[in-house]
């Protein structure tokens, strides 16, 4: 069974949003820069993304990325492919190094 890795939502200010989420919820900042941040909750992760840098999406862990396109390697070693659902929702299929 596949596993949802994270959900990405758009924000105009990464810094302001990180402050708000930390104030409102019990979560940890795993990563933060000017274009995105990753917040860890007990059961999932929430990515905060700025418009025109990263699309809002739902990320699902998969091993067979090549079945969906050409994987793009990220700076943390993970690889991903973006696909659209029939309703035009964006999904990131992601694989982490073992």
PDB file of N, CA and C in Angstrom:
ATOM      1  N   UNK A   1       0.843  -1.176   0.000  1.00  0.00           N
ATOM      2  CA  UNK A   1       0.000   0.000   0.000  1.00  0.00           C
ATOM      3  C   UNK A   1       0.892   1.244   0.000  1.00  0.00           C
ATOM      4  N   UNK A   2       0.550   2.215  -0.819  1.00  0.00           N
ATOM      5  CA  UNK A   2       1.332   3.447  -0.891  1.00  0.00           C
ATOM      6  C   UNK A   2       1.130   4.294   0.361  1.00  0.00           C
ATOM      7  N   UNK A   3       2.091   5.191   0.597  1.00  0.00           N
ATOM      8  CA  UNK A   3       2.054   6.045   1.790  1.00  0.00           C
ATOM      9  C   UNK A   3       2.165   7.504   1.379  1.00  0.00           C
ATOM     10  N   UNK A   4       1.297   8.345   1.937  1.00  0.00           N
ATOM     11  CA  UNK A   4       1.420   9.779   1.703  1.00  0.00           C
ATOM     12  C   UNK A   4       2.619  10.270   2.495  1.00  0.00           C
ATOM     13  N   UNK A   5       3.532  10.938   1.806  1.00  0.00           N
ATOM     14  CA  UNK A   5       4.755  11.437   2.431  1.00  0.00           C
ATOM     15  C   UNK A   5       4.556  12.838   2.989  1.00  0.00           C
ATOM     16  N   UNK A   6       3.955  13.712   2.189  1.00  0.00           N
ATOM     17  CA  UNK A   6       3.684  15.067   2.655  1.00  0.00           C
ATOM     18  C   UNK A   6       2.619  15.723   1.787  1.00  0.00           C
ATOM     19  N   UNK A   7       2.092  16.816   2.285  1.00  0.00           N
ATOM     20  CA  UNK A   7       1.148  17.648   1.547  1.00  0.00           C
ATOM     21  C   UNK A   7       1.773  19.031   1.452  1.00  0.00           C
ATOM     22  N   UNK A   8       1.743  19.622   0.269  1.00  0.00           N
ATOM     23  CA  UNK A   8       2.339  20.945   0.059  1.00  0.00           C
ATOM     24  C   UNK A   8       1.239  21.974  -0.195  1.00  0.00           C
ATOM     25  N   UNK A   9       1.281  23.056   0.571  1.00  0.00           N
ATOM     26  CA  UNK A   9       0.320  24.149   0.416  1.00  0.00           C
ATOM     27  C   UNK A   9       1.082  25.436   0.111  1.00  0.00           C
ATOM     28  N   UNK A  10       0.446  26.320  -0.648  1.00  0.00           N
ATOM     29  CA  UNK A  10       1.096  27.579  -1.018  1.00  0.00           C
ATOM     30  C   UNK A  10       0.969  28.627   0.070  1.00  0.00           C
ATOM     31  N   UNK A  11       1.982  29.477   0.131  1.00  0.00           N
ATOM     32  CA  UNK A  11       1.992  30.604   1.047  1.00  0.00           C
ATOM     33  C   UNK A  11       2.745  31.756   0.386  1.00  0.00           C
ATOM     34  N   UNK A  12       2.438  32.964   0.781  1.00  0.00           N
ATOM     35  CA  UNK A  12       3.149  34.129   0.251  1.00  0.00           C
ATOM     36  C   UNK A  12       4.442  34.394   1.022  1.00  0.00           C
ATOM     37  N   UNK A  13       4.505  33.939   2.280  1.00  0.00           N
ATOM     38  CA  UNK A  13       5.692  34.172   3.109  1.00  0.00           C
ATOM     39  C   UNK A  13       6.037  32.912   3.888  1.00  0.00           C
ATOM     40  N   UNK A  14       7.147  32.300   3.538  1.00  0.00           N
ATOM     41  CA  UNK A  14       7.592  31.098   4.250  1.00  0.00           C
ATOM     42  C   UNK A  14       7.835  31.426   5.719  1.00  0.00           C
ATOM     43  N   UNK A  15       8.546  32.500   5.990  1.00  0.00           N
ATOM     44  CA  UNK A  15       8.886  32.873   7.370  1.00  0.00           C
ATOM     45  C   UNK A  15       7.643  33.084   8.220  1.00  0.00           C
ATOM     46  N   UNK A  16       6.691  33.873   7.717  1.00  0.00           N
ATOM     47  CA  UNK A  16       5.465  34.137   8.476  1.00  0.00           C
ATOM     48  C   UNK A  16       4.648  32.869   8.678  1.00  0.00           C
ATOM     49  N   UNK A  17       4.578  32.041   7.653  1.00  0.00           N
ATOM     50  CA  UNK A  17       3.801  30.806   7.768  1.00  0.00           C
ATOM     51  C   UNK A  17       4.424  29.827   8.754  1.00  0.00           C
ATOM     52  N   UNK A  18       5.748  29.692   8.727  1.00  0.00           N
ATOM     53  CA  UNK A  18       6.414  28.804   9.684  1.00  0.00           C
ATOM     54  C   UNK A  18       6.112  29.265  11.105  1.00  0.00           C
ATOM     55  N   UNK A  19       6.206  30.551  11.346  1.00  0.00           N
ATOM     56  CA  UNK A  19       5.891  31.081  12.683  1.00  0.00           C
ATOM     57  C   UNK A  19       4.458  30.743  13.076  1.00  0.00           C
ATOM     58  N   UNK A  20       3.517  30.932  12.150  1.00  0.00           N
ATOM     59  CA  UNK A  20       2.106  30.658  12.442  1.00  0.00           C
ATOM     60  C   UNK A  20       1.882  29.180  12.755  1.00  0.00           C
ATOM     61  N   UNK A  21       2.411  28.284  11.922  1.00  0.00           N
ATOM     62  CA  UNK A  21       2.213  26.851  12.145  1.00  0.00           C
ATOM     63  C   UNK A  21       2.837  26.403  13.463  1.00  0.00           C
ATOM     64  N   UNK A  22       4.020  26.916  13.792  1.00  0.00           N
ATOM     65  CA  UNK A  22       4.662  26.539  15.057  1.00  0.00           C
ATOM     66  C   UNK A  22       3.872  27.049  16.262  1.00  0.00           C
ATOM     67  N   UNK A  23       3.243  28.207  16.116  1.00  0.00           N
ATOM     68  CA  UNK A  23       2.433  28.765  17.203  1.00  0.00           C
ATOM     69  C   UNK A  23       1.123  27.986  17.375  1.00  0.00           C
ATOM     70  N   UNK A  24       0.515  27.587  16.268  1.00  0.00           N
ATOM     71  CA  UNK A  24      -0.793  26.929  16.287  1.00  0.00           C
ATOM     72  C   UNK A  24      -0.732  25.436  16.588  1.00  0.00           C
ATOM     73  N   UNK A  25       0.334  24.777  16.161  1.00  0.00           N
ATOM     74  CA  UNK A  25       0.397  23.321  16.223  1.00  0.00           C
ATOM     75  C   UNK A  25       1.719  22.855  16.826  1.00  0.00           C
ATOM     76  N   UNK A  26       1.714  21.634  17.288  1.00  0.00           N
ATOM     77  CA  UNK A  26       2.936  21.003  17.775  1.00  0.00           C
ATOM     78  C   UNK A  26       3.610  20.325  16.577  1.00  0.00           C
ATOM     79  N   UNK A  27       4.635  20.974  16.048  1.00  0.00           N
ATOM     80  CA  UNK A  27       5.350  20.443  14.888  1.00  0.00           C
ATOM     81  C   UNK A  27       6.792  20.930  14.936  1.00  0.00           C
ATOM     82  N   UNK A  28       7.643  20.280  14.151  1.00  0.00           N
ATOM     83  CA  UNK A  28       9.059  20.642  14.082  1.00  0.00           C
ATOM     84  C   UNK A  28       9.407  21.075  12.667  1.00  0.00           C
ATOM     85  N   UNK A  29      10.319  22.020  12.547  1.00  0.00           N
ATOM     86  CA  UNK A  29      10.796  22.459  11.239  1.00  0.00           C
ATOM     87  C   UNK A  29      11.942  21.538  10.828  1.00  0.00           C
ATOM     88  N   UNK A  30      11.732  20.771   9.761  1.00  0.00           N
ATOM     89  CA  UNK A  30      12.790  19.895   9.238  1.00  0.00           C
ATOM     90  C   UNK A  30      13.696  20.639   8.273  1.00  0.00           C
ATOM     91  N   UNK A  31      13.127  21.600   7.545  1.00  0.00           N
ATOM     92  CA  UNK A  31      13.906  22.357   6.562  1.00  0.00           C
ATOM     93  C   UNK A  31      13.208  23.683   6.315  1.00  0.00           C
ATOM     94  N   UNK A  32      13.994  24.729   6.054  1.00  0.00           N
ATOM     95  CA  UNK A  32      13.407  26.019   5.697  1.00  0.00           C
ATOM     96  C   UNK A  32      14.403  26.835   4.880  1.00  0.00           C
ATOM     97  N   UNK A  33      13.929  27.370   3.758  1.00  0.00           N
ATOM     98  CA  UNK A  33      14.678  28.369   3.003  1.00  0.00           C
ATOM     99  C   UNK A  33      13.673  29.373   2.444  1.00  0.00           C
ATOM    100  N   UNK A  34      14.087  30.217   1.524  1.00  0.00           N
ATOM    101  CA  UNK A  34      13.210  31.283   1.031  1.00  0.00           C
ATOM    102  C   UNK A  34      12.066  30.775   0.154  1.00  0.00           C
ATOM    103  N   UNK A  35      12.214  29.579  -0.446  1.00  0.00           N
ATOM    104  CA  UNK A  35      11.182  29.101  -1.368  1.00  0.00           C
ATOM    105  C   UNK A  35      10.305  27.983  -0.820  1.00  0.00           C
ATOM    106  N   UNK A  36      10.746  27.337   0.270  1.00  0.00           N
ATOM    107  CA  UNK A  36       9.889  26.304   0.856  1.00  0.00           C
ATOM    108  C   UNK A  36      10.370  25.921   2.242  1.00  0.00           C
ATOM    109  N   UNK A  37       9.464  25.298   2.990  1.00  0.00           N
ATOM    110  CA  UNK A  37       9.790  24.770   4.322  1.00  0.00           C
ATOM    111  C   UNK A  37       9.080  23.435   4.480  1.00  0.00           C
ATOM    112  N   UNK A  38       9.631  22.592   5.338  1.00  0.00           N
ATOM    113  CA  UNK A  38       9.028  21.296   5.609  1.00  0.00           C
ATOM    114  C   UNK A  38       8.815  21.170   7.107  1.00  0.00           C
ATOM    115  N   UNK A  39       7.554  20.990   7.491  1.00  0.00           N
ATOM    116  CA  UNK A  39       7.182  20.851   8.897  1.00  0.00           C
ATOM    117  C   UNK A  39       6.813  19.402   9.171  1.00  0.00           C
ATOM    118  N   UNK A  40       7.337  18.852  10.253  1.00  0.00           N
ATOM    119  CA  UNK A  40       7.057  17.464  10.616  1.00  0.00           C
ATOM    120  C   UNK A  40       6.016  17.430  11.723  1.00  0.00           C
ATOM    121  N   UNK A  41       4.947  16.700  11.461  1.00  0.00           N
ATOM    122  CA  UNK A  41       3.917  16.420  12.451  1.00  0.00           C
ATOM    123  C   UNK A  41       4.075  14.959  12.867  1.00  0.00           C
ATOM    124  N   UNK A  42       3.313  14.519  13.839  1.00  0.00           N
ATOM    125  CA  UNK A  42       3.461  13.137  14.307  1.00  0.00           C
ATOM    126  C   UNK A  42       3.191  12.123  13.200  1.00  0.00           C
ATOM    127  N   UNK A  43       2.191  12.376  12.357  1.00  0.00           N
ATOM    128  CA  UNK A  43       1.789  11.365  11.384  1.00  0.00           C
ATOM    129  C   UNK A  43       2.056  11.727   9.926  1.00  0.00           C
ATOM    130  N   UNK A  44       2.550  12.922   9.655  1.00  0.00           N
ATOM    131  CA  UNK A  44       2.845  13.306   8.273  1.00  0.00           C
ATOM    132  C   UNK A  44       3.707  14.559   8.259  1.00  0.00           C
ATOM    133  N   UNK A  45       3.980  15.056   7.077  1.00  0.00           N
ATOM    134  CA  UNK A  45       4.749  16.292   6.918  1.00  0.00           C
ATOM    135  C   UNK A  45       3.929  17.278   6.093  1.00  0.00           C
ATOM    136  N   UNK A  46       4.154  18.553   6.352  1.00  0.00           N
ATOM    137  CA  UNK A  46       3.497  19.620   5.615  1.00  0.00           C
ATOM    138  C   UNK A  46       4.573  20.495   4.990  1.00  0.00           C
ATOM    139  N   UNK A  47       4.525  20.624   3.676  1.00  0.00           N
ATOM    140  CA  UNK A  47       5.460  21.503   2.972  1.00  0.00           C
ATOM    141  C   UNK A  47       4.764  22.830   2.707  1.00  0.00           C
ATOM    142  N   UNK A  48       5.464  23.915   2.978  1.00  0.00           N
ATOM    143  CA  UNK A  48       4.981  25.252   2.665  1.00  0.00           C
ATOM    144  C   UNK A  48       5.773  25.720   1.455  1.00  0.00           C
ATOM    145  N   UNK A  49       5.085  26.111   0.393  1.00  0.00           N
ATOM    146  CA  UNK A  49       5.752  26.477  -0.854  1.00  0.00           C
ATOM    147  C   UNK A  49       5.280  27.845  -1.331  1.00  0.00           C
ATOM    148  N   UNK A  50       6.164  28.568  -2.013  1.00  0.00           N
ATOM    149  CA  UNK A  50       5.785  29.868  -2.566  1.00  0.00           C
ATOM    150  C   UNK A  50       5.356  29.690  -4.024  1.00  0.00           C
ATOM    151  N   UNK A  51       4.425  30.531  -4.486  1.00  0.00           N
ATOM    152  CA  UNK A  51       3.967  30.435  -5.879  1.00  0.00           C
ATOM    153  C   UNK A  51       5.139  30.546  -6.858  1.00  0.00           C
ATOM    154  N   UNK A  52       5.033  29.851  -7.960  1.00  0.00           N
ATOM    155  CA  UNK A  52       6.011  29.861  -9.055  1.00  0.00           C
ATOM    156  C   UNK A  52       7.335  29.184  -8.720  1.00  0.00           C
ATOM    157  N   UNK A  53       7.480  28.603  -7.553  1.00  0.00           N
ATOM    158  CA  UNK A  53       8.685  27.844  -7.205  1.00  0.00           C
ATOM    159  C   UNK A  53       8.378  26.350  -7.130  1.00  0.00           C
ATOM    160  N   UNK A  54       7.330  26.019  -6.403  1.00  0.00           N
ATOM    161  CA  UNK A  54       6.903  24.632  -6.231  1.00  0.00           C
ATOM    162  C   UNK A  54       5.379  24.612  -6.298  1.00  0.00           C
ATOM    163  N   UNK A  55       4.789  23.641  -6.963  1.00  0.00           N
ATOM    164  CA  UNK A  55       3.325  23.605  -7.015  1.00  0.00           C
ATOM    165  C   UNK A  55       2.741  23.030  -5.724  1.00  0.00           C
ATOM    166  N   UNK A  56       1.539  23.462  -5.343  1.00  0.00           N
ATOM    167  CA  UNK A  56       0.869  22.772  -4.245  1.00  0.00           C
ATOM    168  C   UNK A  56       0.594  21.334  -4.710  1.00  0.00           C
ATOM    169  N   UNK A  57       0.784  20.365  -3.816  1.00  0.00           N
ATOM    170  CA  UNK A  57       0.653  18.973  -4.239  1.00  0.00           C
ATOM    171  C   UNK A  57       0.505  18.043  -3.039  1.00  0.00           C
ATOM    172  N   UNK A  58       0.212  16.797  -3.363  1.00  0.00           N
ATOM    173  CA  UNK A  58       0.241  15.699  -2.397  1.00  0.00           C
ATOM    174  C   UNK A  58       1.363  14.777  -2.856  1.00  0.00           C
ATOM    175  N   UNK A  59       2.273  14.446  -1.944  1.00  0.00           N
ATOM    176  CA  UNK A  59       3.401  13.582  -2.293  1.00  0.00           C
ATOM    177  C   UNK A  59       3.155  12.169  -1.774  1.00  0.00           C
ATOM    178  N   UNK A  60       3.377  11.203  -2.650  1.00  0.00           N
ATOM    179  CA  UNK A  60       3.181   9.791  -2.330  1.00  0.00           C
ATOM    180  C   UNK A  60       4.503   9.067  -2.558  1.00  0.00           C
ATOM    181  N   UNK A  61       4.922   8.263  -1.573  1.00  0.00           N
ATOM    182  CA  UNK A  61       6.164   7.491  -1.723  1.00  0.00           C
ATOM    183  C   UNK A  61       5.934   6.347  -2.702  1.00  0.00           C
ATOM    184  N   UNK A  62       6.838   6.245  -3.687  1.00  0.00           N
ATOM    185  CA  UNK A  62       6.782   5.178  -4.686  1.00  0.00           C
ATOM    186  C   UNK A  62       8.207   4.771  -5.027  1.00  0.00           C
ATOM    187  N   UNK A  63       8.396   3.531  -5.413  1.00  0.00           N
ATOM    188  CA  UNK A  63       9.717   3.079  -5.839  1.00  0.00           C
ATOM    189  C   UNK A  63       9.879   3.106  -7.356  1.00  0.00           C
ATOM    190  N   UNK A  64       8.809   2.866  -8.088  1.00  0.00           N
ATOM    191  CA  UNK A  64       8.899   2.717  -9.546  1.00  0.00           C
ATOM    192  C   UNK A  64       8.606   4.033 -10.278  1.00  0.00           C
ATOM    193  N   UNK A  65       9.370   5.074  -9.973  1.00  0.00           N
ATOM    194  CA  UNK A  65       9.127   6.393 -10.565  1.00  0.00           C
ATOM    195  C   UNK A  65       9.233   6.386 -12.084  1.00  0.00           C
ATOM    196  N   UNK A  66      10.124   5.582 -12.617  1.00  0.00           N
ATOM    197  CA  UNK A  66      10.351   5.563 -14.059  1.00  0.00           C
ATOM    198  C   UNK A  66       9.095   5.187 -14.838  1.00  0.00           C
ATOM    199  N   UNK A  67       8.147   4.515 -14.197  1.00  0.00           N
ATOM    200  CA  UNK A  67       6.880   4.168 -14.849  1.00  0.00           C
ATOM    201  C   UNK A  67       6.040   5.407 -15.136  1.00  0.00           C
ATOM    202  N   UNK A  68       6.370   6.528 -14.482  1.00  0.00           N
ATOM    203  CA  UNK A  68       5.560   7.736 -14.583  1.00  0.00           C
ATOM    204  C   UNK A  68       6.282   8.885 -15.287  1.00  0.00           C
ATOM    205  N   UNK A  69       7.543   8.709 -15.630  1.00  0.00           N
ATOM    206  CA  UNK A  69       8.307   9.768 -16.289  1.00  0.00           C
ATOM    207  C   UNK A  69       9.763   9.710 -15.878  1.00  0.00           C
ATOM    208  N   UNK A  70      10.486  10.772 -16.182  1.00  0.00           N
ATOM    209  CA  UNK A  70      11.909  10.849 -15.847  1.00  0.00           C
ATOM    210  C   UNK A  70      12.084  11.504 -14.483  1.00  0.00           C
ATOM    211  N   UNK A  71      12.580  10.767 -13.491  1.00  0.00           N
ATOM    212  CA  UNK A  71      12.752  11.340 -12.150  1.00  0.00           C
ATOM    213  C   UNK A  71      13.751  12.494 -12.135  1.00  0.00           C
ATOM    214  N   UNK A  72      13.463  13.473 -11.310  1.00  0.00           N
ATOM    215  CA  UNK A  72      14.354  14.606 -11.080  1.00  0.00           C
ATOM    216  C   UNK A  72      14.992  14.407  -9.716  1.00  0.00           C
ATOM    217  N   UNK A  73      16.323  14.534  -9.648  1.00  0.00           N
ATOM    218  CA  UNK A  73      17.036  14.346  -8.384  1.00  0.00           C
ATOM    219  C   UNK A  73      17.082  15.665  -7.621  1.00  0.00           C
ATOM    220  N   UNK A  74      16.797  15.600  -6.313  1.00  0.00           N
ATOM    221  CA  UNK A  74      16.801  16.777  -5.451  1.00  0.00           C
ATOM    222  C   UNK A  74      18.076  16.804  -4.612  1.00  0.00           C
ATOM    223  N   UNK A  75      18.359  17.950  -4.013  1.00  0.00           N
ATOM    224  CA  UNK A  75      19.615  18.128  -3.264  1.00  0.00           C
ATOM    225  C   UNK A  75      19.746  17.188  -2.067  1.00  0.00           C
ATOM    226  N   UNK A  76      18.617  16.686  -1.537  1.00  0.00           N
ATOM    227  CA  UNK A  76      18.690  15.757  -0.405  1.00  0.00           C
ATOM    228  C   UNK A  76      18.863  14.309  -0.846  1.00  0.00           C
ATOM    229  N   UNK A  77      18.983  14.085  -2.167  1.00  0.00           N
ATOM    230  CA  UNK A  77      19.158  12.735  -2.686  1.00  0.00           C
ATOM    231  C   UNK A  77      17.866  12.068  -3.112  1.00  0.00           C
ATOM    232  N   UNK A  78      16.736  12.646  -2.746  1.00  0.00           N
ATOM    233  CA  UNK A  78      15.457  12.077  -3.164  1.00  0.00           C
ATOM    234  C   UNK A  78      15.246  12.341  -4.649  1.00  0.00           C
ATOM    235  N   UNK A  79      14.338  11.577  -5.239  1.00  0.00           N
ATOM    236  CA  UNK A  79      13.973  11.751  -6.637  1.00  0.00           C
ATOM    237  C   UNK A  79      12.463  11.804  -6.724  1.00  0.00           C
ATOM    238  N   UNK A  80      11.950  12.551  -7.709  1.00  0.00           N
ATOM    239  CA  UNK A  80      10.498  12.623  -7.834  1.00  0.00           C
ATOM    240  C   UNK A  80      10.055  12.883  -9.261  1.00  0.00           C
ATOM    241  N   UNK A  81       8.790  12.576  -9.490  1.00  0.00           N
ATOM    242  CA  UNK A  81       8.098  12.835 -10.745  1.00  0.00           C
ATOM    243  C   UNK A  81       6.756  13.453 -10.370  1.00  0.00           C
ATOM    244  N   UNK A  82       6.370  14.517 -11.069  1.00  0.00           N
ATOM    245  CA  UNK A  82       5.063  15.132 -10.843  1.00  0.00           C
ATOM    246  C   UNK A  82       4.082  14.627 -11.888  1.00  0.00           C
ATOM    247  N   UNK A  83       2.875  14.287 -11.437  1.00  0.00           N
ATOM    248  CA  UNK A  83       1.802  13.846 -12.330  1.00  0.00           C
ATOM    249  C   UNK A  83       0.519  14.575 -11.942  1.00  0.00           C
ATOM    250  N   UNK A  84      -0.417  14.633 -12.888  1.00  0.00           N
ATOM    251  CA  UNK A  84      -1.718  15.264 -12.645  1.00  0.00           C
ATOM    252  C   UNK A  84      -2.793  14.186 -12.592  1.00  0.00           C
ATOM    253  N   UNK A  85      -3.727  14.350 -11.664  1.00  0.00           N
ATOM    254  CA  UNK A  85      -4.879  13.456 -11.596  1.00  0.00           C
ATOM    255  C   UNK A  85      -5.876  13.862 -12.688  1.00  0.00           C
ATOM    256  N   UNK A  86      -6.894  13.042 -12.945  1.00  0.00           N
ATOM    257  CA  UNK A  86      -7.912  13.422 -13.929  1.00  0.00           C
ATOM    258  C   UNK A  86      -8.608  14.748 -13.583  1.00  0.00           C
ATOM    259  N   UNK A  87      -8.603  15.125 -12.302  1.00  0.00           N
ATOM    260  CA  UNK A  87      -9.222  16.383 -11.878  1.00  0.00           C
ATOM    261  C   UNK A  87      -8.221  17.528 -11.809  1.00  0.00           C
ATOM    262  N   UNK A  88      -7.030  17.319 -12.370  1.00  0.00           N
ATOM    263  CA  UNK A  88      -5.980  18.334 -12.450  1.00  0.00           C
ATOM    264  C   UNK A  88      -5.300  18.639 -11.114  1.00  0.00           C
ATOM    265  N   UNK A  89      -5.378  17.724 -10.156  1.00  0.00           N
ATOM    266  CA  UNK A  89      -4.623  17.865  -8.908  1.00  0.00           C
ATOM    267  C   UNK A  89      -3.200  17.369  -9.149  1.00  0.00           C
ATOM    268  N   UNK A  90      -2.235  18.034  -8.536  1.00  0.00           N
ATOM    269  CA  UNK A  90      -0.833  17.664  -8.719  1.00  0.00           C
ATOM    270  C   UNK A  90      -0.394  16.687  -7.634  1.00  0.00           C
ATOM    271  N   UNK A  91       0.249  15.611  -8.068  1.00  0.00           N
ATOM    272  CA  UNK A  91       0.828  14.626  -7.162  1.00  0.00           C
ATOM    273  C   UNK A  91       2.318  14.536  -7.446  1.00  0.00           C
ATOM    274  N   UNK A  92       3.094  14.489  -6.377  1.00  0.00           N
ATOM    275  CA  UNK A  92       4.525  14.242  -6.496  1.00  0.00           C
ATOM    276  C   UNK A  92       4.763  12.804  -6.063  1.00  0.00           C
ATOM    277  N   UNK A  93       5.293  11.995  -6.954  1.00  0.00           N
ATOM    278  CA  UNK A  93       5.681  10.632  -6.611  1.00  0.00           C
ATOM    279  C   UNK A  93       7.143  10.720  -6.224  1.00  0.00           C
ATOM    280  N   UNK A  94       7.470  10.300  -5.004  1.00  0.00           N
ATOM    281  CA  UNK A  94       8.803  10.560  -4.453  1.00  0.00           C
ATOM    282  C   UNK A  94       9.456   9.278  -3.954  1.00  0.00           C
ATOM    283  N   UNK A  95      10.775   9.224  -4.146  1.00  0.00           N
ATOM    284  CA  UNK A  95      11.575   8.075  -3.695  1.00  0.00           C
ATOM    285  C   UNK A  95      12.793   8.633  -2.966  1.00  0.00           C
ATOM    286  N   UNK A  96      13.094   8.054  -1.811  1.00  0.00           N
ATOM    287  CA  UNK A  96      14.249   8.479  -1.012  1.00  0.00           C
ATOM    288  C   UNK A  96      15.375   7.469  -1.160  1.00  0.00           C
ATOM    289  N   UNK A  97      16.630   7.914  -1.027  1.00  0.00           N
ATOM    290  CA  UNK A  97      17.744   6.965  -1.103  1.00  0.00           C
ATOM    291  C   UNK A  97      17.667   5.957   0.036  1.00  0.00           C
ATOM    292  N   UNK A  98      18.130   4.749  -0.240  1.00  0.00           N
ATOM    293  CA  UNK A  98      18.063   3.689   0.783  1.00  0.00           C
ATOM    294  C   UNK A  98      19.307   3.668   1.612  1.00  0.00           C
TER     295      UNK A  98
END
